[in-house]
């Protein structure tokens, strides 16, 4: 199957481990992740007009994204605790063909440290999307979460990477 992958989260005996980053220099790190949820058009209208029974969906999802980013090492076993210096959350939406609509969430995370913030950005997107699902599930059981992906990362030894 080609070359052996270089997985750093395993020791010489194949056991999972947290990578030691103590010798890595602190650099400014940034990551951008995105994901979306497909909902009924009427669900999107309810979200935008603020009539969802559980409250302001996007305001709660925004807070959920920040909280989830901060809790990433408690959720993902080998992630380092990171002192985040910033979490930005952006929402966009569009109506699709038929009676479907899409809400897209983009999260940018930042820190200065020896390891990156990709997992924090991805986890934040996931937490925000799950929050939208939770708040709207009584009215829309057809929702689909999709396309959670890393779009860009900056900093560290690997430098700047952007998805094509």
C-alpha atoms as a PDB file:
ATOM      1  CA  UNK A   1       0.000   0.000   0.000  1.00  0.00           C
ATOM      2  CA  UNK A   2       2.886   2.384  -0.571  1.00  0.00           C
ATOM      3  CA  UNK A   3       4.839   4.247   2.073  1.00  0.00           C
ATOM      4  CA  UNK A   4       4.129   3.861   5.752  1.00  0.00           C
ATOM      5  CA  UNK A   5       2.277   6.887   7.122  1.00  0.00           C
ATOM      6  CA  UNK A   6       4.125   8.990   9.693  1.00  0.00           C
ATOM      7  CA  UNK A   7       1.680   8.955  12.589  1.00  0.00           C
ATOM      8  CA  UNK A   8       3.126  10.905  15.501  1.00  0.00           C
ATOM      9  CA  UNK A   9       0.473   9.887  18.025  1.00  0.00           C
ATOM     10  CA  UNK A  10       1.875   6.364  18.445  1.00  0.00           C
ATOM     11  CA  UNK A  11       4.948   5.294  20.389  1.00  0.00           C
ATOM     12  CA  UNK A  12       7.444   2.672  19.186  1.00  0.00           C
ATOM     13  CA  UNK A  13       5.254  -0.162  20.473  1.00  0.00           C
ATOM     14  CA  UNK A  14       2.165   1.158  18.655  1.00  0.00           C
ATOM     15  CA  UNK A  15       0.399   2.582  21.704  1.00  0.00           C
ATOM     16  CA  UNK A  16      -1.405   5.902  21.448  1.00  0.00           C
ATOM     17  CA  UNK A  17       0.337   8.823  23.100  1.00  0.00           C
ATOM     18  CA  UNK A  18       0.130  12.574  23.416  1.00  0.00           C
ATOM     19  CA  UNK A  19       2.948  14.111  21.383  1.00  0.00           C
ATOM     20  CA  UNK A  20       5.559  16.000  23.410  1.00  0.00           C
ATOM     21  CA  UNK A  21       5.634  19.551  22.015  1.00  0.00           C
ATOM     22  CA  UNK A  22       7.878  21.013  24.720  1.00  0.00           C
ATOM     23  CA  UNK A  23      10.815  21.528  22.334  1.00  0.00           C
ATOM     24  CA  UNK A  24       8.732  23.285  19.677  1.00  0.00           C
ATOM     25  CA  UNK A  25       8.859  27.085  19.562  1.00  0.00           C
ATOM     26  CA  UNK A  26       5.760  29.157  20.226  1.00  0.00           C
ATOM     27  CA  UNK A  27       4.389  30.638  17.008  1.00  0.00           C
ATOM     28  CA  UNK A  28       1.142  32.360  16.105  1.00  0.00           C
ATOM     29  CA  UNK A  29      -1.268  29.674  14.927  1.00  0.00           C
ATOM     30  CA  UNK A  30      -4.571  30.029  13.087  1.00  0.00           C
ATOM     31  CA  UNK A  31      -7.052  27.561  11.649  1.00  0.00           C
ATOM     32  CA  UNK A  32     -10.261  27.993   9.676  1.00  0.00           C
ATOM     33  CA  UNK A  33     -12.885  25.247   9.491  1.00  0.00           C
ATOM     34  CA  UNK A  34     -16.351  25.060   7.972  1.00  0.00           C
ATOM     35  CA  UNK A  35     -19.426  22.843   8.010  1.00  0.00           C
ATOM     36  CA  UNK A  36     -23.100  23.075   7.206  1.00  0.00           C
ATOM     37  CA  UNK A  37     -26.509  21.782   8.126  1.00  0.00           C
ATOM     38  CA  UNK A  38     -29.287  21.197   5.614  1.00  0.00           C
ATOM     39  CA  UNK A  39     -32.714  22.115   6.992  1.00  0.00           C
ATOM     40  CA  UNK A  40     -36.204  22.673   5.681  1.00  0.00           C
ATOM     41  CA  UNK A  41     -36.674  26.154   4.215  1.00  0.00           C
ATOM     42  CA  UNK A  42     -39.318  26.803   6.866  1.00  0.00           C
ATOM     43  CA  UNK A  43     -36.774  25.896   9.554  1.00  0.00           C
ATOM     44  CA  UNK A  44     -34.309  28.443   8.163  1.00  0.00           C
ATOM     45  CA  UNK A  45     -37.043  31.060   8.137  1.00  0.00           C
ATOM     46  CA  UNK A  46     -37.859  30.263  11.783  1.00  0.00           C
ATOM     47  CA  UNK A  47     -34.176  30.526  12.722  1.00  0.00           C
ATOM     48  CA  UNK A  48     -33.782  33.877  10.957  1.00  0.00           C
ATOM     49  CA  UNK A  49     -36.999  35.336  12.362  1.00  0.00           C
ATOM     50  CA  UNK A  50     -36.225  34.175  15.904  1.00  0.00           C
ATOM     51  CA  UNK A  51     -39.373  32.118  16.444  1.00  0.00           C
ATOM     52  CA  UNK A  52     -37.734  28.783  17.329  1.00  0.00           C
ATOM     53  CA  UNK A  53     -39.211  27.692  20.672  1.00  0.00           C
ATOM     54  CA  UNK A  54     -35.834  27.127  22.335  1.00  0.00           C
ATOM     55  CA  UNK A  55     -34.610  30.668  21.600  1.00  0.00           C
ATOM     56  CA  UNK A  56     -32.152  32.503  19.345  1.00  0.00           C
ATOM     57  CA  UNK A  57     -30.588  29.559  17.510  1.00  0.00           C
ATOM     58  CA  UNK A  58     -27.616  31.352  15.971  1.00  0.00           C
ATOM     59  CA  UNK A  59     -26.736  33.227  19.170  1.00  0.00           C
ATOM     60  CA  UNK A  60     -26.693  29.958  21.118  1.00  0.00           C
ATOM     61  CA  UNK A  61     -24.749  28.189  18.335  1.00  0.00           C
ATOM     62  CA  UNK A  62     -22.187  31.015  18.388  1.00  0.00           C
ATOM     63  CA  UNK A  63     -21.638  30.523  22.128  1.00  0.00           C
ATOM     64  CA  UNK A  64     -21.558  26.744  21.618  1.00  0.00           C
ATOM     65  CA  UNK A  65     -18.777  27.122  19.050  1.00  0.00           C
ATOM     66  CA  UNK A  66     -16.616  29.116  21.471  1.00  0.00           C
ATOM     67  CA  UNK A  67     -17.325  26.783  24.391  1.00  0.00           C
ATOM     68  CA  UNK A  68     -16.656  23.686  22.288  1.00  0.00           C
ATOM     69  CA  UNK A  69     -13.363  25.097  20.995  1.00  0.00           C
ATOM     70  CA  UNK A  70     -12.262  25.655  24.602  1.00  0.00           C
ATOM     71  CA  UNK A  71     -13.264  22.082  25.572  1.00  0.00           C
ATOM     72  CA  UNK A  72     -11.527  20.321  22.647  1.00  0.00           C
ATOM     73  CA  UNK A  73      -8.862  18.536  24.753  1.00  0.00           C
ATOM     74  CA  UNK A  74     -11.637  17.121  26.945  1.00  0.00           C
ATOM     75  CA  UNK A  75     -13.358  15.655  23.867  1.00  0.00           C
ATOM     76  CA  UNK A  76     -10.434  14.601  21.634  1.00  0.00           C
ATOM     77  CA  UNK A  77      -8.106  12.384  23.708  1.00  0.00           C
ATOM     78  CA  UNK A  78      -4.673  13.329  22.321  1.00  0.00           C
ATOM     79  CA  UNK A  79      -5.246  17.088  21.920  1.00  0.00           C
ATOM     80  CA  UNK A  80      -3.127  19.446  23.986  1.00  0.00           C
ATOM     81  CA  UNK A  81      -4.793  22.046  26.189  1.00  0.00           C
ATOM     82  CA  UNK A  82      -4.343  25.299  24.287  1.00  0.00           C
ATOM     83  CA  UNK A  83      -4.703  28.861  25.498  1.00  0.00           C
ATOM     84  CA  UNK A  84      -6.891  30.175  22.698  1.00  0.00           C
ATOM     85  CA  UNK A  85      -6.412  33.843  21.946  1.00  0.00           C
ATOM     86  CA  UNK A  86      -9.432  34.106  19.663  1.00  0.00           C
ATOM     87  CA  UNK A  87     -12.443  32.280  18.252  1.00  0.00           C
ATOM     88  CA  UNK A  88     -14.475  33.915  15.483  1.00  0.00           C
ATOM     89  CA  UNK A  89     -17.762  32.422  14.296  1.00  0.00           C
ATOM     90  CA  UNK A  90     -19.498  33.347  11.057  1.00  0.00           C
ATOM     91  CA  UNK A  91     -22.862  32.131   9.770  1.00  0.00           C
ATOM     92  CA  UNK A  92     -24.220  32.235   6.241  1.00  0.00           C
ATOM     93  CA  UNK A  93     -27.310  30.691   4.729  1.00  0.00           C
ATOM     94  CA  UNK A  94     -28.947  30.018   1.401  1.00  0.00           C
ATOM     95  CA  UNK A  95     -32.069  28.408   0.081  1.00  0.00           C
ATOM     96  CA  UNK A  96     -31.506  25.341  -2.055  1.00  0.00           C
ATOM     97  CA  UNK A  97     -33.695  23.744  -4.697  1.00  0.00           C
ATOM     98  CA  UNK A  98     -37.127  22.703  -3.467  1.00  0.00           C
ATOM     99  CA  UNK A  99     -37.954  23.088   0.215  1.00  0.00           C
ATOM    100  CA  UNK A 100     -34.384  22.765   1.553  1.00  0.00           C
ATOM    101  CA  UNK A 101     -31.957  25.373   2.886  1.00  0.00           C
ATOM    102  CA  UNK A 102     -28.392  25.364   4.181  1.00  0.00           C
ATOM    103  CA  UNK A 103     -26.788  27.099   7.138  1.00  0.00           C
ATOM    104  CA  UNK A 104     -22.988  27.228   6.902  1.00  0.00           C
ATOM    105  CA  UNK A 105     -20.729  27.910   9.859  1.00  0.00           C
ATOM    106  CA  UNK A 106     -17.122  29.050   9.512  1.00  0.00           C
ATOM    107  CA  UNK A 107     -14.918  29.198  12.602  1.00  0.00           C
ATOM    108  CA  UNK A 108     -11.462  30.746  12.889  1.00  0.00           C
ATOM    109  CA  UNK A 109      -9.352  29.863  15.929  1.00  0.00           C
ATOM    110  CA  UNK A 110      -6.081  31.485  17.009  1.00  0.00           C
ATOM    111  CA  UNK A 111      -3.378  30.977  19.605  1.00  0.00           C
ATOM    112  CA  UNK A 112       0.311  31.500  20.203  1.00  0.00           C
ATOM    113  CA  UNK A 113       1.916  28.233  21.169  1.00  0.00           C
ATOM    114  CA  UNK A 114       3.846  25.109  20.170  1.00  0.00           C
ATOM    115  CA  UNK A 115       0.951  23.285  18.483  1.00  0.00           C
ATOM    116  CA  UNK A 116      -1.864  24.137  16.115  1.00  0.00           C
ATOM    117  CA  UNK A 117      -5.539  24.917  16.550  1.00  0.00           C
ATOM    118  CA  UNK A 118      -7.083  22.846  13.738  1.00  0.00           C
ATOM    119  CA  UNK A 119      -8.894  20.504  16.100  1.00  0.00           C
ATOM    120  CA  UNK A 120     -10.328  23.447  18.025  1.00  0.00           C
ATOM    121  CA  UNK A 121     -11.735  24.958  14.819  1.00  0.00           C
ATOM    122  CA  UNK A 122     -13.189  21.636  13.639  1.00  0.00           C
ATOM    123  CA  UNK A 123     -14.642  20.843  17.057  1.00  0.00           C
ATOM    124  CA  UNK A 124     -16.160  24.338  17.299  1.00  0.00           C
ATOM    125  CA  UNK A 125     -17.912  23.885  13.937  1.00  0.00           C
ATOM    126  CA  UNK A 126     -19.218  20.501  15.075  1.00  0.00           C
ATOM    127  CA  UNK A 127     -20.499  21.880  18.383  1.00  0.00           C
ATOM    128  CA  UNK A 128     -22.279  24.776  16.683  1.00  0.00           C
ATOM    129  CA  UNK A 129     -23.927  22.506  14.102  1.00  0.00           C
ATOM    130  CA  UNK A 130     -25.050  20.053  16.769  1.00  0.00           C
ATOM    131  CA  UNK A 131     -26.507  22.973  18.727  1.00  0.00           C
ATOM    132  CA  UNK A 132     -28.568  24.063  15.720  1.00  0.00           C
ATOM    133  CA  UNK A 133     -29.739  20.465  15.340  1.00  0.00           C
ATOM    134  CA  UNK A 134     -30.681  20.249  19.014  1.00  0.00           C
ATOM    135  CA  UNK A 135     -32.571  23.524  19.018  1.00  0.00           C
ATOM    136  CA  UNK A 136     -34.553  22.724  15.847  1.00  0.00           C
ATOM    137  CA  UNK A 137     -35.061  18.954  16.101  1.00  0.00           C
ATOM    138  CA  UNK A 138     -38.635  19.140  17.378  1.00  0.00           C
ATOM    139  CA  UNK A 139     -39.695  21.000  14.212  1.00  0.00           C
ATOM    140  CA  UNK A 140     -37.360  19.397  11.645  1.00  0.00           C
ATOM    141  CA  UNK A 141     -36.304  15.771  11.908  1.00  0.00           C
ATOM    142  CA  UNK A 142     -34.848  15.797   8.381  1.00  0.00           C
ATOM    143  CA  UNK A 143     -31.777  17.935   9.163  1.00  0.00           C
ATOM    144  CA  UNK A 144     -28.412  16.712   7.874  1.00  0.00           C
ATOM    145  CA  UNK A 145     -25.009  17.868   9.107  1.00  0.00           C
ATOM    146  CA  UNK A 146     -22.363  17.720   6.389  1.00  0.00           C
ATOM    147  CA  UNK A 147     -19.042  18.855   5.026  1.00  0.00           C
ATOM    148  CA  UNK A 148     -17.082  19.552   8.194  1.00  0.00           C
ATOM    149  CA  UNK A 149     -13.607  20.378   6.898  1.00  0.00           C
ATOM    150  CA  UNK A 150     -10.411  22.285   7.513  1.00  0.00           C
ATOM    151  CA  UNK A 151     -10.065  25.156   5.041  1.00  0.00           C
ATOM    152  CA  UNK A 152      -6.824  26.773   6.142  1.00  0.00           C
ATOM    153  CA  UNK A 153      -4.073  26.674   8.747  1.00  0.00           C
ATOM    154  CA  UNK A 154      -1.204  29.035   9.472  1.00  0.00           C
ATOM    155  CA  UNK A 155       1.842  28.859  11.706  1.00  0.00           C
ATOM    156  CA  UNK A 156       4.253  26.296  12.949  1.00  0.00           C
ATOM    157  CA  UNK A 157       6.807  24.233  11.086  1.00  0.00           C
ATOM    158  CA  UNK A 158       4.466  23.367   8.209  1.00  0.00           C
ATOM    159  CA  UNK A 159       3.686  27.027   7.551  1.00  0.00           C
ATOM    160  CA  UNK A 160       0.614  28.113   5.622  1.00  0.00           C
ATOM    161  CA  UNK A 161      -1.752  25.551   4.091  1.00  0.00           C
ATOM    162  CA  UNK A 162      -4.977  26.346   2.260  1.00  0.00           C
ATOM    163  CA  UNK A 163      -7.473  23.891   0.794  1.00  0.00           C
ATOM    164  CA  UNK A 164      -7.688  24.174  -2.973  1.00  0.00           C
END
